[in-house]
């Protein structure tokens, strides 16, 4: 239940006690680069490194060493088809490929090669992906290049005492290993030309590879989060029944209208079986098809469901009892989304994980989106340095009180169709004017930063005169 505001606030922070076990073993993203993938032609880099300006919102950053501060969140704006989602897809591809390339690909199997198609010069060039990150305060740089069939190159470096040292470099089937990387020796011949060496090393329990795969695999990346998938995600959280108190406490900050949430199993009604048709008959084929259809319906009907409790008032607006709502059938799409991903955000804040969300504002009121971002930016609710990267069209979030300039990124389609990725920190901004308005949204909508759609005179399509 949500007894009162202060008690809910205290309950909400109960889970913060758990983070002591995770502070020393989580990944923090420093940079991600992509080249020749979908709409990205040239190499583009998303940086989570905070600049050294004296802006407000120092709490939006976290110390990652003596001379390094990282951003806790990053917002990516841009017109439709400008490449925002392709950046998320590139991150998702890296995560999936690192985890699965050694075990899920077979000899000769094609890779997920999607080069930039609007220039023939890129068709034969490899796609490049590189990620720079911290684990246990140690900095790593890992990347690879692929074409349609093979791993063209692969590399892993570790930084020690401000010096970057090679762990391994791979060029095709030629491997160069550090002399100290004894765990990996002899595993080179076991690596297929279409499998990542890092993934193979993890299969043979090489410690550094296991750590990187586990940490990169912990990225939560949500793409195309349509409502059906959202509800499915909510069902998947039923295994987290022991965390109901934490989920309730988290949801209490969003004023969703209900006082309690629970998970209920649905009952099963057994029916009398009809006699089995004769073997080889059309009736038997029809019977088997019907059984499969009923089995699918039965599985769906037996899935546990979320129940929310709402107060019922009498004619004098006095609460008299509560009524149960089924989340899937009776709550709004925005409420479903918050509930579905509640534990994702809780777990990220607990353990210092990275959450990547395409169109975070889809189905959500701007205030709810803002609240989620505030949880990541706030030093009290995010003491372990969890990171949130999201795409959005919501200009209400372009506030000086919410985001620093280096947290705001833009994607823009260049003249020949390629995506350009850049930060608001690259612009000279009239700080006095933006301080007075408290927002960068007006200048953004006026096109001063680019990354907005340019629309022709639609009126001319309906017989009107085109504006000069």
Protein backbone atom coordinates (compact mmCIF):
# COMPACT_ATOMS: atom_id res chain seq x y z
CA UNK A 1 0.00 0.00 0.00
CA UNK A 2 0.90 3.68 -0.21
CA UNK A 3 -0.04 4.72 3.38
CA UNK A 4 1.10 8.32 3.26
CA UNK A 5 3.53 10.44 1.32
CA UNK A 6 6.31 10.37 3.93
CA UNK A 7 6.06 6.64 4.58
CA UNK A 8 6.08 5.92 0.86
CA UNK A 9 9.16 8.08 0.52
CA UNK A 10 10.92 6.04 3.20
CA UNK A 11 9.82 2.74 1.67
CA UNK A 12 11.08 3.90 -1.67
CA UNK A 13 14.61 4.20 -0.29
CA UNK A 14 14.66 0.84 1.48
CA UNK A 15 16.17 -0.76 -1.58
CA UNK A 16 19.05 1.72 -1.60
CA UNK A 17 20.57 -0.28 1.22
CA UNK A 18 21.26 -3.07 -1.27
CA UNK A 19 23.56 -1.04 -3.49
CA UNK A 20 26.62 -1.52 -1.28
CA UNK A 21 26.96 -5.00 -2.79
CA UNK A 22 26.99 -3.67 -6.34
CA UNK A 23 28.96 -0.41 -6.26
CA UNK A 24 32.27 -2.07 -7.10
CA UNK A 25 31.08 -4.27 -9.94
CA UNK A 26 29.05 -2.37 -12.49
CA UNK A 27 29.74 -0.98 -15.94
CA UNK A 28 29.67 2.71 -16.75
CA UNK A 29 29.50 3.80 -20.37
CA UNK A 30 32.06 6.40 -21.44
CA UNK A 31 31.64 6.43 -25.23
CA UNK A 32 29.92 4.51 -27.99
CA UNK A 33 30.97 4.86 -31.64
CA UNK A 34 29.38 3.51 -34.81
CA UNK A 35 30.34 3.77 -38.48
CA UNK A 36 28.76 2.50 -41.71
CA UNK A 37 25.68 1.06 -40.04
CA UNK A 38 22.21 1.85 -41.34
CA UNK A 39 22.00 5.68 -41.53
CA UNK A 40 25.44 6.21 -39.98
CA UNK A 41 27.98 6.68 -42.78
CA UNK A 42 30.86 8.44 -41.04
CA UNK A 43 32.05 7.51 -37.57
CA UNK A 44 29.78 9.10 -34.96
CA UNK A 45 30.32 9.03 -31.20
CA UNK A 46 27.92 9.41 -28.29
CA UNK A 47 29.96 10.57 -25.30
CA UNK A 48 28.87 10.31 -21.69
CA UNK A 49 31.87 12.36 -20.52
CA UNK A 50 30.79 15.52 -18.68
CA UNK A 51 32.46 18.72 -19.78
CA UNK A 52 34.33 20.86 -17.28
CA UNK A 53 32.07 23.90 -17.44
CA UNK A 54 30.74 25.46 -14.26
CA UNK A 55 27.11 24.87 -15.20
CA UNK A 56 24.48 24.03 -12.63
CA UNK A 57 23.27 20.45 -12.17
CA UNK A 58 26.59 19.09 -10.93
CA UNK A 59 24.48 16.30 -9.43
CA UNK A 60 23.74 15.06 -12.96
CA UNK A 61 27.29 13.74 -13.12
CA UNK A 62 29.19 11.11 -11.18
CA UNK A 63 32.89 10.88 -10.46
CA UNK A 64 34.60 8.03 -12.32
CA UNK A 65 38.18 8.84 -11.37
CA UNK A 66 40.42 11.76 -10.53
CA UNK A 67 39.93 13.55 -13.85
CA UNK A 68 36.78 11.93 -15.20
CA UNK A 69 33.14 12.72 -14.55
CA UNK A 70 30.40 10.86 -16.42
CA UNK A 71 26.85 11.87 -17.20
CA UNK A 72 24.01 10.00 -15.56
CA UNK A 73 21.65 10.55 -18.47
CA UNK A 74 21.59 11.63 -22.10
CA UNK A 75 18.63 12.75 -24.22
CA UNK A 76 18.69 12.36 -28.02
CA UNK A 77 16.46 14.61 -30.14
CA UNK A 78 15.89 14.68 -33.85
CA UNK A 79 13.32 14.61 -36.62
CA UNK A 80 11.66 11.38 -37.68
CA UNK A 81 14.01 9.26 -39.83
CA UNK A 82 17.02 11.27 -38.67
CA UNK A 83 18.76 8.28 -37.04
CA UNK A 84 17.78 8.37 -33.36
CA UNK A 85 16.45 4.84 -33.37
CA UNK A 86 19.39 3.62 -35.45
CA UNK A 87 21.73 4.65 -32.64
CA UNK A 88 19.72 2.53 -30.22
CA UNK A 89 19.70 -0.32 -32.75
CA UNK A 90 23.48 -0.10 -33.04
CA UNK A 91 23.87 -0.39 -29.26
CA UNK A 92 21.43 -3.28 -29.21
CA UNK A 93 23.30 -5.03 -32.04
CA UNK A 94 26.60 -4.78 -30.14
CA UNK A 95 25.03 -6.15 -26.96
CA UNK A 96 23.36 -9.07 -28.72
CA UNK A 97 26.33 -9.90 -30.93
CA UNK A 98 28.83 -9.91 -28.07
CA UNK A 99 26.62 -12.27 -26.08
CA UNK A 100 25.65 -14.67 -28.84
CA UNK A 101 28.13 -14.67 -31.71
CA UNK A 102 30.18 -17.66 -30.53
CA UNK A 103 27.24 -19.90 -29.69
CA UNK A 104 24.49 -18.84 -32.10
CA UNK A 105 26.37 -18.49 -35.40
CA UNK A 106 27.52 -21.44 -37.47
CA UNK A 107 30.37 -21.75 -39.96
CA UNK A 108 29.56 -19.77 -43.09
CA UNK A 109 26.51 -18.09 -41.58
CA UNK A 110 25.88 -14.47 -42.57
CA UNK A 111 26.21 -11.71 -39.99
CA UNK A 112 23.88 -8.81 -39.27
CA UNK A 113 25.64 -6.52 -41.75
CA UNK A 114 23.61 -3.39 -42.52
CA UNK A 115 25.89 -0.85 -44.21
CA UNK A 116 24.93 2.67 -45.24
CA UNK A 117 23.08 2.08 -48.50
CA UNK A 118 22.80 5.59 -49.94
CA UNK A 119 26.40 5.67 -51.18
CA UNK A 120 27.90 2.81 -53.18
CA UNK A 121 31.34 3.50 -51.72
CA UNK A 122 30.16 2.12 -48.36
CA UNK A 123 28.66 -1.14 -49.59
CA UNK A 124 31.93 -3.05 -49.46
CA UNK A 125 33.33 -1.33 -46.37
CA UNK A 126 32.93 -2.98 -42.96
CA UNK A 127 30.69 -1.68 -40.20
CA UNK A 128 32.54 -0.50 -37.10
CA UNK A 129 31.37 -0.55 -33.48
CA UNK A 130 33.40 0.54 -30.46
CA UNK A 131 32.48 0.91 -26.82
CA UNK A 132 34.60 2.49 -24.09
CA UNK A 133 33.57 1.72 -20.54
CA UNK A 134 34.60 1.36 -16.90
CA UNK A 135 34.36 -1.82 -14.82
CA UNK A 136 35.65 -1.71 -11.26
CA UNK A 137 37.26 1.65 -12.05
CA UNK A 138 39.28 0.06 -14.85
CA UNK A 139 38.85 1.55 -18.30
CA UNK A 140 38.45 -0.71 -21.34
CA UNK A 141 38.12 -0.02 -25.06
CA UNK A 142 36.56 -2.83 -27.08
CA UNK A 143 35.47 -2.84 -30.69
CA UNK A 144 35.08 -4.82 -33.88
CA UNK A 145 34.47 -4.49 -37.60
CA UNK A 146 32.28 -6.85 -39.60
CA UNK A 147 31.17 -7.32 -43.16
CA UNK A 148 28.49 -9.64 -44.48
CA UNK A 149 30.37 -12.83 -43.65
CA UNK A 150 33.32 -12.37 -41.29
CA UNK A 151 34.84 -10.46 -38.41
CA UNK A 152 37.24 -8.13 -40.21
CA UNK A 153 38.99 -6.94 -37.06
CA UNK A 154 38.57 -6.93 -33.29
CA UNK A 155 40.42 -5.30 -30.42
CA UNK A 156 40.45 -4.98 -26.64
CA UNK A 157 42.57 -2.48 -24.71
CA UNK A 158 42.87 -1.73 -21.02
CA UNK A 159 44.01 1.55 -19.53
CA UNK A 160 46.42 1.45 -16.61
CA UNK A 161 48.18 4.44 -15.06
CA UNK A 162 46.99 6.72 -17.88
CA UNK A 163 48.50 4.34 -20.45
CA UNK A 164 46.42 2.19 -22.77
CA UNK A 165 47.73 -1.35 -23.07
CA UNK A 166 46.76 -4.00 -25.58
CA UNK A 167 44.97 -7.14 -24.37
CA UNK A 168 44.45 -8.51 -27.88
CA UNK A 169 44.18 -7.35 -31.49
CA UNK A 170 42.70 -9.43 -34.26
CA UNK A 171 43.00 -8.81 -38.00
CA UNK A 172 40.99 -11.44 -39.82
CA UNK A 173 42.38 -14.76 -38.58
CA UNK A 174 45.60 -13.23 -37.23
CA UNK A 175 45.65 -12.71 -33.47
CA UNK A 176 48.15 -10.68 -31.45
CA UNK A 177 47.86 -11.23 -27.70
CA UNK A 178 49.50 -9.47 -24.80
CA UNK A 179 52.20 -11.60 -23.23
CA UNK A 180 50.34 -11.37 -19.92
CA UNK A 181 47.07 -12.62 -21.44
CA UNK A 182 47.93 -16.25 -20.82
CA UNK A 183 44.32 -17.39 -20.32
CA UNK A 184 43.58 -16.80 -24.00
CA UNK A 185 46.55 -18.58 -25.49
CA UNK A 186 45.60 -21.56 -27.64
CA UNK A 187 42.00 -20.40 -28.16
CA UNK A 188 42.69 -18.55 -31.39
CA UNK A 189 42.23 -21.63 -33.63
CA UNK A 190 38.89 -22.32 -31.95
CA UNK A 191 37.52 -18.97 -33.17
CA UNK A 192 35.48 -19.11 -36.38
CA UNK A 193 35.93 -16.23 -38.81
CA UNK A 194 32.33 -15.14 -38.15
CA UNK A 195 32.53 -15.30 -34.33
CA UNK A 196 33.92 -12.72 -31.93
CA UNK A 197 37.09 -13.76 -30.12
CA UNK A 198 35.74 -12.12 -26.94
CA UNK A 199 32.66 -14.39 -27.07
CA UNK A 200 34.81 -17.48 -27.59
CA UNK A 201 36.99 -16.51 -24.62
CA UNK A 202 33.89 -16.24 -22.46
CA UNK A 203 32.82 -19.73 -23.51
CA UNK A 204 36.13 -20.98 -22.14
CA UNK A 205 35.68 -19.02 -18.89
CA UNK A 206 38.41 -16.46 -19.50
CA UNK A 207 37.79 -14.09 -16.61
CA UNK A 208 38.00 -10.69 -18.33
CA UNK A 209 35.78 -11.88 -21.19
CA UNK A 210 33.22 -13.27 -18.73
CA UNK A 211 33.15 -9.95 -16.90
CA UNK A 212 32.68 -7.88 -20.06
CA UNK A 213 29.97 -10.16 -21.45
CA UNK A 214 28.10 -10.12 -18.15
CA UNK A 215 28.31 -6.34 -17.79
CA UNK A 216 27.45 -5.48 -21.41
CA UNK A 217 24.68 -8.08 -21.27
CA UNK A 218 23.19 -6.26 -18.30
CA UNK A 219 22.31 -3.28 -20.53
CA UNK A 220 18.52 -2.94 -20.67
CA UNK A 221 17.65 -1.79 -24.19
CA UNK A 222 14.04 -1.15 -25.14
CA UNK A 223 13.10 -0.62 -28.78
CA UNK A 224 9.69 -0.51 -30.46
CA UNK A 225 7.98 -0.67 -27.07
CA UNK A 226 4.43 -1.04 -28.37
CA UNK A 227 1.76 -1.76 -25.79
CA UNK A 228 1.58 -5.52 -26.46
CA UNK A 229 5.28 -5.84 -25.69
CA UNK A 230 4.90 -3.58 -22.67
CA UNK A 231 2.21 -5.82 -21.20
CA UNK A 232 4.36 -8.87 -21.95
CA UNK A 233 7.24 -7.24 -20.09
CA UNK A 234 4.89 -6.63 -17.19
CA UNK A 235 4.00 -10.33 -17.14
CA UNK A 236 7.68 -11.23 -17.13
CA UNK A 237 8.13 -9.30 -13.89
CA UNK A 238 5.80 -11.72 -12.11
CA UNK A 239 8.89 -13.68 -11.09
CA UNK A 240 9.75 -10.69 -8.92
CA UNK A 241 6.92 -11.18 -6.44
CA UNK A 242 9.30 -10.65 -3.54
CA UNK A 243 9.87 -7.09 -4.76
CA UNK A 244 6.26 -5.95 -4.62
CA UNK A 245 6.99 -3.50 -1.78
CA UNK A 246 9.78 -1.86 -3.76
CA UNK A 247 7.63 -1.63 -6.89
CA UNK A 248 4.75 -0.09 -4.92
CA UNK A 249 7.07 2.43 -3.30
CA UNK A 250 8.54 3.35 -6.68
CA UNK A 251 5.12 3.74 -8.29
CA UNK A 252 3.84 5.89 -5.43
CA UNK A 253 5.85 8.82 -6.82
CA UNK A 254 3.93 8.82 -10.10
CA UNK A 255 0.40 9.42 -8.74
CA UNK A 256 -1.16 6.75 -10.95
CA UNK A 257 -4.45 6.66 -9.03
CA UNK A 258 -4.18 3.28 -7.32
CA UNK A 259 -3.10 2.46 -3.80
CA UNK A 260 -1.76 -1.07 -4.14
CA UNK A 261 -0.59 -3.50 -6.79
CA UNK A 262 -0.57 -7.29 -6.63
CA UNK A 263 -0.08 -10.33 -8.83
CA UNK A 264 -2.80 -12.95 -9.07
CA UNK A 265 -2.81 -16.40 -10.64
CA UNK A 266 -5.78 -17.19 -12.82
CA UNK A 267 -7.81 -20.30 -12.11
CA UNK A 268 -8.09 -23.18 -14.52
CA UNK A 269 -11.35 -24.87 -15.43
CA UNK A 270 -11.11 -28.47 -16.63
CA UNK A 271 -13.52 -29.60 -19.34
CA UNK A 272 -14.73 -33.07 -20.20
CA UNK A 273 -12.78 -34.54 -23.14
CA UNK A 274 -14.68 -35.56 -26.25
CA UNK A 275 -14.07 -39.03 -27.79
CA UNK A 276 -10.92 -39.11 -29.98
CA UNK A 277 -11.64 -39.31 -33.75
CA UNK A 278 -10.37 -42.26 -35.78
CA UNK A 279 -6.68 -42.40 -36.72
CA UNK A 280 -5.92 -40.93 -40.17
CA UNK A 281 -9.27 -39.19 -40.53
CA UNK A 282 -9.77 -35.53 -41.43
CA UNK A 283 -11.65 -35.19 -38.17
CA UNK A 284 -8.46 -36.16 -36.29
CA UNK A 285 -6.43 -33.51 -38.17
CA UNK A 286 -9.07 -30.91 -37.34
CA UNK A 287 -9.15 -32.13 -33.74
CA UNK A 288 -5.34 -31.77 -33.38
CA UNK A 289 -5.45 -28.26 -34.87
CA UNK A 290 -8.21 -27.33 -32.43
CA UNK A 291 -6.18 -28.73 -29.53
CA UNK A 292 -3.18 -26.55 -30.51
CA UNK A 293 -5.42 -23.48 -30.72
CA UNK A 294 -7.01 -24.20 -27.35
CA UNK A 295 -3.58 -24.86 -25.82
CA UNK A 296 -2.37 -21.42 -26.93
CA UNK A 297 -5.47 -19.80 -25.49
CA UNK A 298 -5.07 -21.82 -22.29
CA UNK A 299 -1.47 -20.69 -21.87
CA UNK A 300 -2.50 -17.06 -22.32
CA UNK A 301 -5.45 -17.40 -19.95
CA UNK A 302 -3.27 -18.94 -17.24
CA UNK A 303 -0.65 -16.19 -17.23
CA UNK A 304 -0.59 -14.35 -13.92
CA UNK A 305 -1.96 -10.81 -14.13
CA UNK A 306 -1.36 -7.54 -12.34
CA UNK A 307 -4.18 -6.17 -10.21
CA UNK A 308 -4.34 -2.55 -9.05
CA UNK A 309 -6.54 -1.38 -6.17
CA UNK A 310 -8.46 1.89 -6.40
CA UNK A 311 -10.39 3.70 -3.66
CA UNK A 312 -14.16 3.81 -4.00
CA UNK A 313 -15.94 6.84 -2.46
CA UNK A 314 -19.54 7.38 -1.44
CA UNK A 315 -21.72 10.35 -2.34
CA UNK A 316 -19.91 12.43 0.29
CA UNK A 317 -16.54 11.58 -1.31
CA UNK A 318 -15.58 9.48 1.68
CA UNK A 319 -13.54 6.36 0.97
CA UNK A 320 -15.53 3.25 1.82
CA UNK A 321 -13.60 0.38 0.20
CA UNK A 322 -11.39 -0.52 -2.74
CA UNK A 323 -12.05 -2.05 -6.14
CA UNK A 324 -9.71 -4.19 -8.25
CA UNK A 325 -8.67 -3.14 -11.76
CA UNK A 326 -6.97 -5.45 -14.22
CA UNK A 327 -3.85 -3.70 -15.43
CA UNK A 328 -4.09 -4.98 -18.99
CA UNK A 329 -7.78 -4.26 -19.55
CA UNK A 330 -8.58 -1.30 -17.30
CA UNK A 331 -5.52 0.91 -16.87
CA UNK A 332 -4.20 3.53 -19.28
CA UNK A 333 -1.39 2.80 -21.70
CA UNK A 334 0.90 5.15 -19.76
CA UNK A 335 0.17 3.34 -16.49
CA UNK A 336 0.90 -0.01 -18.14
CA UNK A 337 4.23 1.30 -19.33
CA UNK A 338 5.28 2.63 -15.93
CA UNK A 339 4.28 -0.62 -14.20
CA UNK A 340 5.90 -2.78 -16.87
CA UNK A 341 9.27 -1.12 -16.53
CA UNK A 342 9.15 -0.21 -12.83
CA UNK A 343 11.49 -2.98 -11.76
CA UNK A 344 13.84 -2.27 -14.65
CA UNK A 345 14.37 1.24 -13.29
CA UNK A 346 14.55 0.01 -9.67
CA UNK A 347 17.17 -2.59 -10.52
CA UNK A 348 19.19 -0.12 -12.59
CA UNK A 349 19.27 2.40 -9.75
CA UNK A 350 20.14 -0.32 -7.25
CA UNK A 351 22.98 -1.83 -9.22
CA UNK A 352 24.27 1.08 -11.30
CA UNK A 353 23.10 -0.38 -14.63
CA UNK A 354 22.64 1.31 -18.00
CA UNK A 355 19.11 1.62 -19.42
CA UNK A 356 18.63 2.60 -23.07
CA UNK A 357 15.13 3.60 -24.12
CA UNK A 358 13.87 4.43 -27.61
CA UNK A 359 11.06 7.01 -27.40
CA UNK A 360 10.77 7.14 -23.63
CA UNK A 361 7.87 9.58 -23.92
CA UNK A 362 5.69 7.18 -25.93
CA UNK A 363 2.33 6.89 -24.06
CA UNK A 364 3.73 8.79 -21.07
CA UNK A 365 2.68 12.19 -19.77
CA UNK A 366 5.66 14.59 -19.87
CA UNK A 367 5.63 14.85 -16.07
CA UNK A 368 6.11 11.08 -15.76
CA UNK A 369 8.99 11.09 -18.24
CA UNK A 370 10.55 13.95 -16.33
CA UNK A 371 10.21 12.09 -13.03
CA UNK A 372 12.05 9.03 -14.40
CA UNK A 373 14.91 11.24 -15.63
CA UNK A 374 15.07 13.03 -12.27
CA UNK A 375 15.49 9.68 -10.50
CA UNK A 376 18.62 8.99 -12.55
CA UNK A 377 20.00 12.51 -12.25
CA UNK A 378 19.45 12.81 -8.51
CA UNK A 379 22.43 11.96 -6.32
CA UNK A 380 20.22 10.53 -3.56
CA UNK A 381 18.11 8.22 -5.73
CA UNK A 382 21.05 7.27 -7.96
CA UNK A 383 24.14 7.12 -5.76
CA UNK A 384 25.66 4.20 -7.71
CA UNK A 385 25.87 6.00 -11.05
CA UNK A 386 23.21 4.25 -13.11
CA UNK A 387 22.89 5.72 -16.62
CA UNK A 388 19.80 6.44 -18.72
CA UNK A 389 20.09 7.06 -22.47
CA UNK A 390 16.86 7.82 -24.29
CA UNK A 391 15.43 9.22 -27.51
CA UNK A 392 12.53 11.62 -27.35
CA UNK A 393 10.51 14.32 -29.13
CA UNK A 394 9.35 15.88 -25.85
CA UNK A 395 10.66 19.47 -25.84
CA UNK A 396 9.36 19.94 -22.28
CA UNK A 397 12.46 18.02 -21.18
CA UNK A 398 14.78 20.65 -22.67
CA UNK A 399 15.02 22.40 -19.33
CA UNK A 400 18.09 23.83 -17.64
CA UNK A 401 16.68 22.52 -14.37
CA UNK A 402 16.61 18.97 -15.68
CA UNK A 403 19.45 18.52 -18.19
CA UNK A 404 22.88 19.99 -18.74
CA UNK A 405 23.81 21.05 -22.26
CA UNK A 406 26.25 18.15 -22.59
CA UNK A 407 23.39 15.76 -21.80
CA UNK A 408 21.38 16.93 -24.82
CA UNK A 409 22.20 15.34 -28.18
CA UNK A 410 20.77 15.73 -31.68
CA UNK A 411 20.58 13.59 -34.79
CA UNK A 412 20.17 15.31 -38.14
CA UNK A 413 19.91 13.90 -41.63
CA UNK A 414 22.67 15.41 -43.76
CA UNK A 415 22.15 16.31 -47.47
CA UNK A 416 23.17 12.88 -48.78
CA UNK A 417 21.06 10.95 -46.26
CA UNK A 418 23.64 10.17 -43.57
CA UNK A 419 23.09 10.86 -39.87
CA UNK A 420 25.04 13.52 -38.03
CA UNK A 421 25.23 13.19 -34.23
CA UNK A 422 26.21 16.19 -32.10
CA UNK A 423 25.68 17.76 -28.68
CA UNK A 424 24.11 21.01 -27.55
CA UNK A 425 27.44 21.63 -25.79
CA UNK A 426 28.92 22.18 -29.27
CA UNK A 427 26.88 25.40 -29.62
CA UNK A 428 27.41 28.80 -28.11
CA UNK A 429 24.24 29.41 -26.12
CA UNK A 430 22.98 32.71 -24.76
CA UNK A 431 23.12 31.60 -21.14
CA UNK A 432 21.42 34.77 -19.84
CA UNK A 433 18.46 34.29 -22.18
CA UNK A 434 18.16 30.55 -21.52
CA UNK A 435 18.44 31.20 -17.78
CA UNK A 436 15.52 33.59 -17.93
CA UNK A 437 13.35 31.17 -19.91
CA UNK A 438 14.70 28.12 -18.07
CA UNK A 439 14.58 26.14 -21.32
CA UNK A 440 16.38 25.46 -24.57
CA UNK A 441 13.16 24.36 -26.28
CA UNK A 442 12.31 27.66 -27.99
CA UNK A 443 15.65 27.89 -29.78
CA UNK A 444 15.42 24.20 -30.68
CA UNK A 445 11.96 24.59 -32.24
CA UNK A 446 13.20 27.66 -34.11
CA UNK A 447 15.81 25.44 -35.72
CA UNK A 448 18.87 27.07 -34.15
CA UNK A 449 20.31 23.67 -33.28
CA UNK A 450 19.05 21.83 -36.36
CA UNK A 451 17.62 18.32 -35.92
CA UNK A 452 14.02 19.34 -36.67
CA UNK A 453 11.78 18.35 -39.60
CA UNK A 454 11.47 20.72 -42.55
CA UNK A 455 8.01 20.45 -44.05
CA UNK A 456 6.88 21.87 -47.36
CA UNK A 457 3.61 23.69 -48.02
CA UNK A 458 1.06 20.92 -47.47
CA UNK A 459 -1.79 23.28 -48.42
CA UNK A 460 -0.75 23.10 -52.06
CA UNK A 461 -1.77 19.41 -52.08
CA UNK A 462 -5.38 20.40 -51.47
CA UNK A 463 -5.68 23.06 -54.15
CA UNK A 464 -4.36 25.95 -52.07
CA UNK A 465 -1.65 28.30 -53.17
CA UNK A 466 1.82 27.48 -52.10
CA UNK A 467 3.40 30.05 -49.83
CA UNK A 468 6.32 31.88 -51.35
